[in-house]
Amino acid sequence: METVQSIIKYDERHSTAVTIGTFDGVHIGHRKILERLIQDAKKLGVKSTVLTFFPHPRMVLQKDSDIKLLNTIAEKTRILERLGLDYLVIHPFTLAFSRLSATEFVRDNLVNKLKTQKIIIGYDHRFGRNRNANIVDLRAFGEALDFEVEEIPAQEINAVSVSSTKIRHALEEGDIQTANKFLGYQYMLTGTVQKGKGLGHTIGFPTANLHIEATYKLIPKKGVYVVSSTIDNRTVYGMMNIGHNPTVSHSDNSDERKRIEIHFFDFQKDLYGTEIQVDILERMRDEHKFDSVAALRAQLEKDRQTALDLIKK
């Protein structure tokens, strides 16, 4: 898959079959559309192309929006690449772009730049200034500008009963199993390992402190989770605490960004400064404060055994 930053940078020699959207999470409902796109592009002899936008439109149009997304743009790119697409076009979403009329968007971008021969969209897709154009308008553009339009029926999408909103809610409630089921993969956190306070190391549970640069990334509910990561081409398992601090006598400041600390099992490599992806497998318990370091260590021993038992299942 080739990633193109902006529609204007697309290689106009290649005609496309296109689908358009934010595709946050690239969940199993999205994949209904993407699989159809890839199949039809092959039949037409054109390039299967996803047109997405960054920042998310709500971040631009609603300045006070606190929307949290399931994927960073880098994570979304990796997921889409695995599906076998030809092109991912990530177009900068700006106020000026949002003000394009439906005609300008379709004619100038989809037809003239992306050389679109077919557009595949979900049943509720809207586009153009103020999102005032719909499938009827798109079909009219198709007839006038010579491209085919296919709408994925509501019943086909709704059959999987999934949406990005449902997945966000599940993660906020700590229901990682439902989130992973709807996503079709383990929910991931990607960040850089930074130095922490070092308490974990002193009690036999050294942790990798994960810093996620993208503040819009949704962090699941506070608690302790079973996780895995691929490091140096090896799958490493561990347990992760999400919260304000897994140690003792730390006040819970709900305004503070959640800390993410991972203890990997049977792994000693220094990861400071390394970017890693952590896949969340299961949630074990809520985050607790402890009366002493000894009590913390005893609980961590229990957590490690619980995690190892879950991994063996």
Protein backbone atom coordinates (compact mmCIF):
# COMPACT_ATOMS: atom_id res chain seq x y z
CA MET A 1 0.00 0.00 0.00
CA GLU A 2 1.24 3.46 -0.87
CA THR A 3 0.38 6.30 1.51
CA VAL A 4 -0.14 9.73 -0.02
CA GLN A 5 -0.27 12.87 2.12
CA SER A 6 -2.94 15.02 0.39
CA ILE A 7 -5.09 14.50 -2.67
CA ILE A 8 -2.98 16.91 -4.69
CA LYS A 9 0.01 14.56 -4.39
CA TYR A 10 -1.80 11.57 -5.86
CA ASP A 11 -0.29 10.12 -9.06
CA GLU A 12 -2.96 10.94 -11.62
CA ARG A 13 -1.82 8.20 -14.01
CA HIS A 14 -3.81 5.64 -12.00
CA SER A 15 -7.59 5.42 -12.04
CA THR A 16 -9.23 4.44 -8.78
CA ALA A 17 -12.13 2.87 -6.98
CA VAL A 18 -12.57 4.97 -3.84
CA THR A 19 -14.21 4.88 -0.46
CA ILE A 20 -14.31 7.94 1.77
CA GLY A 21 -14.44 8.36 5.53
CA THR A 22 -12.58 8.70 8.82
CA PHE A 23 -12.66 4.90 9.44
CA ASP A 24 -11.78 5.34 13.11
CA GLY A 25 -10.87 1.91 14.46
CA VAL A 26 -11.11 0.24 11.03
CA HIS A 27 -13.57 -2.11 12.74
CA ILE A 28 -15.42 -5.11 11.34
CA GLY A 29 -18.21 -2.89 9.97
CA HIS A 30 -15.69 -0.76 8.07
CA ARG A 31 -14.15 -3.90 6.65
CA LYS A 32 -17.40 -4.78 4.89
CA ILE A 33 -16.89 -1.66 2.80
CA LEU A 34 -13.13 -2.11 2.38
CA GLU A 35 -13.41 -5.73 1.25
CA ARG A 36 -15.97 -4.74 -1.39
CA LEU A 37 -13.71 -1.90 -2.50
CA ILE A 38 -10.71 -4.19 -3.02
CA GLN A 39 -12.78 -6.79 -4.89
CA ASP A 40 -14.37 -4.25 -7.22
CA ALA A 41 -11.11 -2.42 -7.90
CA LYS A 42 -9.56 -5.67 -9.09
CA LYS A 43 -12.52 -6.36 -11.37
CA LEU A 44 -12.25 -2.88 -12.87
CA GLY A 45 -8.46 -2.99 -13.17
CA VAL A 46 -8.05 0.18 -11.07
CA LYS A 47 -6.40 1.05 -7.75
CA SER A 48 -8.32 0.46 -4.51
CA THR A 49 -8.08 3.74 -2.63
CA VAL A 50 -9.19 4.95 0.78
CA LEU A 51 -9.60 8.69 1.14
CA THR A 52 -9.46 9.71 4.80
CA PHE A 53 -8.86 12.94 6.64
CA PHE A 54 -6.62 14.22 9.41
CA PRO A 55 -7.22 15.91 11.75
CA HIS A 56 -10.63 14.38 12.40
CA PRO A 57 -13.25 16.85 11.10
CA ARG A 58 -14.73 17.35 14.57
CA MET A 59 -11.35 18.54 15.85
CA VAL A 60 -11.43 21.33 13.27
CA LEU A 61 -15.11 22.22 13.14
CA GLN A 62 -15.83 21.89 16.87
CA LYS A 63 -12.93 23.53 18.68
CA ASP A 64 -14.29 22.49 22.07
CA SER A 65 -14.70 18.86 20.99
CA ASP A 66 -12.99 16.42 23.33
CA ILE A 67 -13.43 13.49 20.93
CA LYS A 68 -11.04 10.61 21.56
CA LEU A 69 -10.10 8.39 18.64
CA LEU A 70 -9.49 4.65 18.50
CA ASN A 71 -6.46 4.99 16.22
CA THR A 72 -3.65 7.41 15.75
CA ILE A 73 -3.08 8.11 12.07
CA ALA A 74 -0.01 5.84 12.15
CA GLU A 75 -1.99 2.98 13.70
CA LYS A 76 -4.78 3.38 11.15
CA THR A 77 -2.22 3.28 8.35
CA ARG A 78 -0.74 0.00 9.64
CA ILE A 79 -4.16 -1.63 9.94
CA LEU A 80 -5.25 -0.58 6.46
CA GLU A 81 -1.98 -1.75 4.95
CA ARG A 82 -2.64 -5.28 6.20
CA LEU A 83 -5.92 -5.40 4.27
CA GLY A 84 -4.24 -5.21 0.87
CA LEU A 85 -5.27 -1.75 -0.33
CA ASP A 86 -3.36 -0.05 -3.13
CA TYR A 87 -3.52 3.55 -1.87
CA LEU A 88 -4.29 5.42 1.32
CA VAL A 89 -4.77 9.13 0.72
CA ILE A 90 -4.66 11.17 3.94
CA HIS A 91 -5.94 14.63 3.15
CA PRO A 92 -5.44 17.53 5.60
CA PHE A 93 -8.84 18.57 6.93
CA THR A 94 -9.01 22.35 7.23
CA LEU A 95 -11.74 24.97 7.49
CA ALA A 96 -11.11 25.90 3.85
CA PHE A 97 -11.49 22.28 2.76
CA SER A 98 -14.70 21.93 4.78
CA ARG A 99 -16.20 24.84 2.85
CA LEU A 100 -15.85 23.16 -0.54
CA SER A 101 -19.21 22.63 -2.18
CA ALA A 102 -20.25 19.09 -3.02
CA THR A 103 -19.64 19.88 -6.70
CA GLU A 104 -16.11 21.16 -6.05
CA PHE A 105 -15.26 18.19 -3.86
CA VAL A 106 -16.46 15.59 -6.35
CA ARG A 107 -15.34 17.25 -9.58
CA ASP A 108 -11.97 18.68 -8.51
CA ASN A 109 -10.83 16.02 -6.07
CA LEU A 110 -12.51 12.71 -6.80
CA VAL A 111 -12.75 12.97 -10.58
CA ASN A 112 -9.95 15.28 -11.71
CA LYS A 113 -7.31 14.25 -9.16
CA LEU A 114 -8.14 10.68 -8.10
CA LYS A 115 -9.51 9.66 -11.53
CA THR A 116 -12.35 7.87 -9.80
CA GLN A 117 -14.25 5.25 -11.78
CA LYS A 118 -16.25 3.93 -8.84
CA ILE A 119 -17.16 5.19 -5.38
CA ILE A 120 -18.28 2.80 -2.63
CA ILE A 121 -19.81 4.32 0.48
CA GLY A 122 -21.82 3.35 3.55
CA TYR A 123 -25.54 3.96 3.61
CA ASP A 124 -25.38 7.12 5.75
CA HIS A 125 -22.53 8.94 4.00
CA ARG A 126 -22.84 12.72 3.62
CA PHE A 127 -20.38 15.16 2.10
CA GLY A 128 -19.75 18.70 0.90
CA ARG A 129 -20.15 21.99 2.76
CA ASN A 130 -22.22 21.45 5.94
CA ARG A 131 -22.49 17.78 4.89
CA ASN A 132 -25.53 18.73 2.83
CA ALA A 133 -25.07 16.23 -0.02
CA ASN A 134 -26.09 12.57 0.15
CA ILE A 135 -26.28 9.38 -1.91
CA VAL A 136 -28.88 10.86 -4.27
CA ASP A 137 -26.57 13.76 -5.06
CA LEU A 138 -23.59 11.45 -5.46
CA ARG A 139 -25.47 9.29 -7.98
CA ALA A 140 -26.37 12.41 -9.95
CA PHE A 141 -22.69 13.42 -10.00
CA GLY A 142 -21.83 9.90 -11.15
CA GLU A 143 -24.16 10.15 -14.12
CA ALA A 144 -22.85 13.59 -15.06
CA LEU A 145 -19.15 12.87 -14.53
CA ASP A 146 -19.07 9.21 -15.60
CA PHE A 147 -18.35 7.20 -12.46
CA GLU A 148 -20.26 4.40 -10.78
CA VAL A 149 -21.68 4.69 -7.26
CA GLU A 150 -22.35 1.75 -4.94
CA GLU A 151 -23.95 2.12 -1.54
CA ILE A 152 -23.43 -0.63 1.04
CA PRO A 153 -26.97 -1.29 2.31
CA ALA A 154 -27.89 -0.44 5.89
CA GLN A 155 -28.83 -4.04 6.69
CA GLU A 156 -25.41 -5.29 5.59
CA ILE A 157 -23.55 -2.83 7.83
CA ASN A 158 -25.99 -3.12 10.73
CA ALA A 159 -25.81 -6.91 10.64
CA VAL A 160 -22.56 -6.70 12.59
CA SER A 161 -24.10 -4.25 15.12
CA VAL A 162 -20.90 -2.28 15.52
CA SER A 163 -19.83 1.34 15.43
CA SER A 164 -16.81 3.36 16.48
CA THR A 165 -18.99 4.98 19.17
CA LYS A 166 -19.90 1.59 20.66
CA ILE A 167 -16.22 0.61 20.75
CA ARG A 168 -15.23 3.88 22.43
CA HIS A 169 -17.91 3.33 25.08
CA ALA A 170 -16.74 -0.25 25.71
CA LEU A 171 -13.16 0.91 26.22
CA GLU A 172 -14.24 3.70 28.56
CA GLU A 173 -16.10 1.07 30.61
CA GLY A 174 -13.11 -1.28 30.62
CA ASP A 175 -14.91 -3.87 28.48
CA ILE A 176 -11.87 -4.79 26.42
CA GLN A 177 -13.36 -8.09 25.22
CA THR A 178 -16.31 -6.38 23.54
CA ALA A 179 -14.05 -3.72 22.04
CA ASN A 180 -11.68 -6.32 20.62
CA LYS A 181 -14.58 -8.35 19.24
CA PHE A 182 -15.96 -5.32 17.39
CA LEU A 183 -12.55 -4.21 16.19
CA GLY A 184 -11.54 -7.65 14.93
CA TYR A 185 -8.12 -7.19 16.54
CA GLN A 186 -6.67 -6.31 19.95
CA TYR A 187 -6.96 -2.64 20.86
CA MET A 188 -3.51 -1.10 20.69
CA LEU A 189 -1.56 1.66 22.36
CA THR A 190 1.53 2.98 20.59
CA GLY A 191 4.06 5.20 22.29
CA THR A 192 7.63 5.82 23.35
CA VAL A 193 9.13 4.30 26.50
CA GLN A 194 10.26 6.95 28.96
CA LYS A 195 11.96 6.86 32.35
CA GLY A 196 9.67 6.66 35.36
CA LYS A 197 10.23 6.92 39.10
CA GLY A 198 11.90 3.53 39.29
CA LEU A 199 9.82 2.08 42.13
CA GLY A 200 8.81 -0.94 40.05
CA HIS A 201 12.44 -1.89 39.55
CA THR A 202 13.20 -1.72 43.28
CA ILE A 203 10.41 -4.19 44.13
CA GLY A 204 11.12 -6.64 41.31
CA PHE A 205 8.56 -5.36 38.81
CA PRO A 206 10.42 -3.03 36.43
CA THR A 207 8.05 -1.15 34.15
CA ALA A 208 8.17 0.47 30.75
CA ASN A 209 6.45 3.84 31.05
CA LEU A 210 4.61 4.47 27.81
CA HIS A 211 4.23 8.04 26.59
CA ILE A 212 1.61 8.53 23.86
CA GLU A 213 2.23 11.71 21.92
CA ALA A 214 -1.25 11.85 20.37
CA THR A 215 -3.40 13.42 23.06
CA TYR A 216 -6.54 12.52 21.08
CA LYS A 217 -5.89 8.78 21.44
CA LEU A 218 -8.50 7.05 23.61
CA ILE A 219 -6.94 5.47 26.71
CA PRO A 220 -9.13 2.72 28.22
CA LYS A 221 -10.57 2.80 31.73
CA LYS A 222 -8.10 2.81 34.59
CA GLY A 223 -7.08 -0.64 35.73
CA VAL A 224 -4.72 -3.56 35.21
CA TYR A 225 -4.64 -5.38 31.88
CA VAL A 226 -2.95 -8.37 30.25
CA VAL A 227 -0.98 -7.22 27.20
CA SER A 228 1.39 -8.39 24.50
CA SER A 229 3.94 -6.67 22.33
CA THR A 230 6.26 -7.63 19.51
CA ILE A 231 9.82 -6.57 20.35
CA ASP A 232 12.81 -7.64 18.25
CA ASN A 233 10.51 -10.00 16.30
CA ARG A 234 9.53 -11.76 19.52
CA THR A 235 6.11 -11.79 21.19
CA VAL A 236 6.43 -10.61 24.77
CA TYR A 237 3.58 -10.76 27.30
CA GLY A 238 3.06 -8.61 30.33
CA MET A 239 0.66 -6.70 32.54
CA MET A 240 -0.14 -3.03 32.21
CA ASN A 241 -1.46 -0.50 34.69
CA ILE A 242 -3.47 2.44 33.39
CA GLY A 243 -4.11 5.12 35.95
CA HIS A 244 -2.70 8.00 37.89
CA ASN A 245 -0.18 5.87 39.76
CA PRO A 246 -0.08 2.19 40.75
CA THR A 247 2.07 2.94 43.78
CA VAL A 248 1.21 4.04 47.29
CA SER A 249 0.00 7.33 48.76
CA HIS A 250 -0.58 9.09 45.45
CA SER A 251 -3.67 11.27 45.26
CA ASP A 252 -6.04 10.54 42.41
CA ASN A 253 -5.98 13.64 40.25
CA SER A 254 -8.71 13.12 37.66
CA ASP A 255 -7.44 16.08 35.62
CA GLU A 256 -4.06 14.45 35.10
CA ARG A 257 -3.45 12.40 31.96
CA LYS A 258 -3.46 8.69 32.73
CA ARG A 259 -0.08 7.02 33.19
CA ILE A 260 0.59 3.78 31.34
CA GLU A 261 3.10 1.39 32.90
CA ILE A 262 3.89 -2.08 31.54
CA HIS A 263 5.75 -4.89 33.25
CA PHE A 264 6.89 -7.44 30.67
CA PHE A 265 7.43 -11.05 31.75
CA ASP A 266 10.85 -12.65 31.22
CA PHE A 267 12.21 -9.61 29.45
CA GLN A 268 15.15 -7.47 30.51
CA LYS A 269 16.04 -5.29 27.52
CA ASP A 270 16.40 -1.53 28.09
CA LEU A 271 13.58 0.02 26.07
CA TYR A 272 14.12 3.69 26.93
CA GLY A 273 13.51 5.84 23.86
CA THR A 274 12.01 2.93 21.90
CA GLU A 275 8.59 3.16 20.25
CA ILE A 276 6.48 0.08 20.96
CA GLN A 277 2.96 -1.07 20.22
CA VAL A 278 1.11 -2.73 23.07
CA ASP A 279 -1.92 -4.92 22.31
CA ILE A 280 -4.48 -5.19 25.12
CA LEU A 281 -5.77 -8.73 25.62
CA GLU A 282 -7.88 -8.66 28.77
CA ARG A 283 -8.70 -6.55 31.82
CA MET A 284 -7.93 -8.06 35.22
CA ARG A 285 -8.98 -5.55 37.85
CA ASP A 286 -9.48 -1.93 38.86
CA GLU A 287 -6.54 0.24 39.91
CA HIS A 288 -5.99 0.40 43.68
CA LYS A 289 -3.91 2.40 46.12
CA PHE A 290 -2.01 0.43 48.75
CA ASP A 291 -1.10 1.03 52.38
CA SER A 292 2.49 -0.06 51.85
CA VAL A 293 5.01 -1.05 49.21
CA ALA A 294 4.84 -4.61 50.58
CA ALA A 295 1.08 -4.71 49.93
CA LEU A 296 1.65 -3.41 46.42
CA ARG A 297 4.24 -6.06 45.71
CA ALA A 298 1.98 -8.83 47.04
CA GLN A 299 -0.82 -7.69 44.72
CA LEU A 300 1.55 -7.52 41.76
CA GLU A 301 2.61 -11.12 42.43
CA LYS A 302 -1.06 -12.14 42.31
CA ASP A 303 -1.59 -10.12 39.14
CA ARG A 304 1.37 -11.75 37.43
CA GLN A 305 0.03 -15.24 38.17
CA THR A 306 -3.46 -14.27 37.02
CA ALA A 307 -2.03 -12.84 33.80
CA LEU A 308 0.08 -15.93 33.13
CA ASP A 309 -2.98 -18.16 33.66
CA LEU A 310 -5.01 -16.07 31.21
CA ILE A 311 -2.24 -16.16 28.61
CA LYS A 312 -2.12 -19.97 28.79
CA LYS A 313 -5.85 -20.30 27.98
